[in-house]
Protein backbone atom coordinates (compact mmCIF):
# COMPACT_ATOMS: atom_id res chain seq x y z
CA UNK A 1 37.80 18.92 6.23
CA UNK A 2 35.81 17.58 9.36
CA UNK A 3 32.76 18.48 7.26
CA UNK A 4 33.25 15.97 4.55
CA UNK A 5 34.18 13.47 7.23
CA UNK A 6 30.96 14.19 8.77
CA UNK A 7 29.18 14.04 5.63
CA UNK A 8 30.72 10.49 4.97
CA UNK A 9 29.21 9.47 8.52
CA UNK A 10 26.06 10.59 7.80
CA UNK A 11 25.91 9.02 4.48
CA UNK A 12 27.02 5.98 5.89
CA UNK A 13 24.44 5.95 8.96
CA UNK A 14 21.47 6.79 6.41
CA UNK A 15 22.87 3.60 4.13
CA UNK A 16 22.20 1.59 7.45
CA UNK A 17 19.22 3.09 8.30
CA UNK A 18 17.88 2.73 4.63
CA UNK A 19 18.69 -1.01 4.91
CA UNK A 20 16.98 -1.81 7.75
CA UNK A 21 13.74 0.01 6.36
CA UNK A 22 14.14 -2.39 3.12
CA UNK A 23 14.28 -5.18 5.66
CA UNK A 24 10.97 -4.44 7.68
CA UNK A 25 9.52 -3.43 3.88
CA UNK A 26 10.75 -6.62 2.69
CA UNK A 27 9.38 -8.71 5.21
CA UNK A 28 5.99 -7.15 5.35
CA UNK A 29 5.29 -7.34 1.75
CA UNK A 30 6.39 -10.85 1.79
CA UNK A 31 3.87 -11.85 4.37
CA UNK A 32 1.15 -9.44 3.10
CA UNK A 33 1.45 -11.31 -0.69
CA UNK A 34 1.69 -14.55 0.93
CA UNK A 35 -1.51 -14.19 2.93
CA UNK A 36 -3.45 -12.48 0.42
CA UNK A 37 -3.03 -15.22 -2.37
CA UNK A 38 -3.52 -18.33 0.28
CA UNK A 39 -6.50 -16.94 1.73
CA UNK A 40 -8.08 -15.11 -0.85
CA UNK A 41 -6.42 -15.59 -4.44
CA UNK A 42 -5.19 -11.88 -4.71
CA UNK A 43 -2.03 -10.62 -5.37
CA UNK A 44 -0.97 -7.92 -3.44
CA UNK A 45 -1.15 -5.17 -6.09
CA UNK A 46 -4.37 -6.44 -6.84
CA UNK A 47 -5.80 -5.96 -3.05
CA UNK A 48 -4.19 -2.25 -2.94
CA UNK A 49 -5.81 -1.82 -6.48
CA UNK A 50 -9.22 -2.82 -5.04
CA UNK A 51 -8.79 -0.91 -1.55
CA UNK A 52 -7.98 2.01 -3.37
CA UNK A 53 -10.92 1.99 -5.51
CA UNK A 54 -13.01 1.09 -2.71
CA UNK A 55 -12.26 4.27 -0.88
CA UNK A 56 -12.84 6.55 -4.03
CA UNK A 57 -15.93 8.34 -4.56
CA UNK A 58 -18.53 6.16 -6.33
CA UNK A 59 -15.74 3.51 -6.52
CA UNK A 60 -14.26 4.78 -9.59
CA UNK A 61 -11.11 6.13 -10.57
CA UNK A 62 -9.15 7.33 -13.99
CA UNK A 63 -6.37 4.91 -14.92
CA UNK A 64 -3.89 7.88 -14.19
CA UNK A 65 -5.29 8.55 -10.88
CA UNK A 66 -5.38 4.47 -9.99
CA UNK A 67 -1.58 4.56 -10.99
CA UNK A 68 -0.65 7.41 -8.81
CA UNK A 69 -2.65 5.62 -5.72
CA UNK A 70 -0.96 2.57 -6.51
CA UNK A 71 2.79 4.18 -6.88
CA UNK A 72 2.74 2.29 -10.40
CA UNK A 73 3.46 3.08 -13.99
CA UNK A 74 0.80 3.64 -16.32
CA UNK A 75 1.61 0.12 -17.98
CA UNK A 76 1.64 -1.74 -14.84
CA UNK A 77 -1.67 -0.55 -14.09
CA UNK A 78 -3.46 -1.34 -17.47
CA UNK A 79 -2.10 -4.75 -16.76
CA UNK A 80 -3.21 -4.87 -13.16
CA UNK A 81 -6.54 -3.73 -14.06
CA UNK A 82 -7.28 -6.22 -16.66
CA UNK A 83 -6.84 -8.82 -14.56
CA UNK A 84 -9.35 -7.04 -12.14
CA UNK A 85 -11.46 -6.99 -15.37
CA UNK A 86 -11.13 -10.61 -16.08
CA UNK A 87 -11.95 -11.34 -12.52
CA UNK A 88 -15.03 -9.61 -12.43
CA UNK A 89 -13.91 -7.28 -10.06
CA UNK A 90 -13.83 -3.82 -12.15
CA UNK A 91 -15.10 -2.86 -15.53
CA UNK A 92 -13.69 -0.42 -18.04
CA UNK A 93 -15.95 2.79 -18.35
CA UNK A 94 -15.19 5.03 -20.94
CA UNK A 95 -14.83 8.95 -19.76
CA UNK A 96 -17.25 10.89 -21.66
CA UNK A 97 -15.42 13.82 -22.03
CA UNK A 98 -12.40 12.32 -23.29
CA UNK A 99 -12.53 9.52 -25.17
CA UNK A 100 -9.08 8.44 -24.95
CA UNK A 101 -9.56 8.09 -21.29
CA UNK A 102 -11.26 5.60 -19.22
CA UNK A 103 -12.53 5.00 -15.58
CA UNK A 104 -11.97 1.65 -13.51
CA UNK A 105 -15.22 1.07 -11.58
CA UNK A 106 -15.35 -1.36 -8.70
CA UNK A 107 -18.07 -3.82 -8.97
CA UNK A 108 -20.27 -5.17 -5.88
CA UNK A 109 -17.92 -8.55 -6.36
CA UNK A 110 -14.53 -6.48 -5.93
CA UNK A 111 -16.15 -4.66 -3.14
CA UNK A 112 -16.92 -7.53 -1.41
CA UNK A 113 -13.56 -9.37 -2.29
CA UNK A 114 -12.08 -6.25 -1.10
CA UNK A 115 -13.69 -6.24 2.42
CA UNK A 116 -13.29 -10.02 2.79
CA UNK A 117 -9.84 -9.72 2.17
CA UNK A 118 -9.02 -6.48 4.54
CA UNK A 119 -9.15 -8.28 7.76
CA UNK A 120 -6.35 -10.68 6.40
CA UNK A 121 -4.36 -7.73 5.42
CA UNK A 122 -4.64 -5.70 8.57
CA UNK A 123 -4.16 -9.07 10.41
CA UNK A 124 -0.96 -10.13 9.04
CA UNK A 125 0.23 -6.51 8.55
CA UNK A 126 0.18 -6.48 12.21
CA UNK A 127 1.58 -9.58 12.73
CA UNK A 128 4.25 -9.27 10.35
CA UNK A 129 5.52 -5.82 11.93
CA UNK A 130 5.67 -7.06 14.92
CA UNK A 131 7.55 -10.08 14.22
CA UNK A 132 9.97 -8.04 12.71
CA UNK A 133 10.24 -5.17 15.52
CA UNK A 134 10.57 -8.15 18.09
CA UNK A 135 13.78 -9.27 16.13
CA UNK A 136 15.40 -5.85 15.47
CA UNK A 137 15.25 -3.05 18.26
CA UNK A 138 15.98 -0.26 15.66
CA UNK A 139 13.26 -1.03 13.46
CA UNK A 140 11.02 -1.49 16.61
CA UNK A 141 12.10 2.17 17.18
CA UNK A 142 11.27 3.26 13.75
CA UNK A 143 7.84 1.50 13.92
CA UNK A 144 7.04 3.42 17.15
CA UNK A 145 8.01 6.98 15.64
CA UNK A 146 6.17 6.01 12.47
CA UNK A 147 3.27 5.59 14.90
CA UNK A 148 3.22 8.06 16.69
CA UNK A 149 3.66 10.45 13.86
CA UNK A 150 0.20 9.54 12.12
CA UNK A 151 -1.82 9.12 15.58
CA UNK A 152 -4.61 11.71 15.09
CA UNK A 153 -3.85 14.83 17.24
CA UNK A 154 -5.56 14.87 20.51
CA UNK A 155 -8.98 16.56 20.92
CA UNK A 156 -9.31 19.78 22.86
CA UNK A 157 -11.30 19.49 25.73
CA UNK A 158 -14.28 21.40 27.31
CA UNK A 159 -13.22 24.75 26.73
């Protein structure tokens, strides 16, 4: 019986933790979306697609690879890429070995737009996380732990 009670307590604790994570996510996403739209005329998904393509070899990915990189389904990415194509930030390049497949290729205008928006994204992200951390000590602790987890390991000293 005590293990069942323990499990219920953990579930409640997990639910509270998840609520806090959602609060963090909502706050940051809202700030990012507003800043990118106001300053660059880009939606958050559009910016992220440009950034994923900018990091890709030769600035191109198959549609499914882009979908995977963005965490979106194929249908959503098709609409997103349509908007990017219409804006001149990407173009569609048929896949030579698969007639049904296509690459989404970043144009120079798309690369420039991505680089212009990057400082806004990075600055807004830093500000938004600082704001919510100042308002919620539990979220501040989560952010500190997450930052430590992604820090590069220290380099070994001279041997």
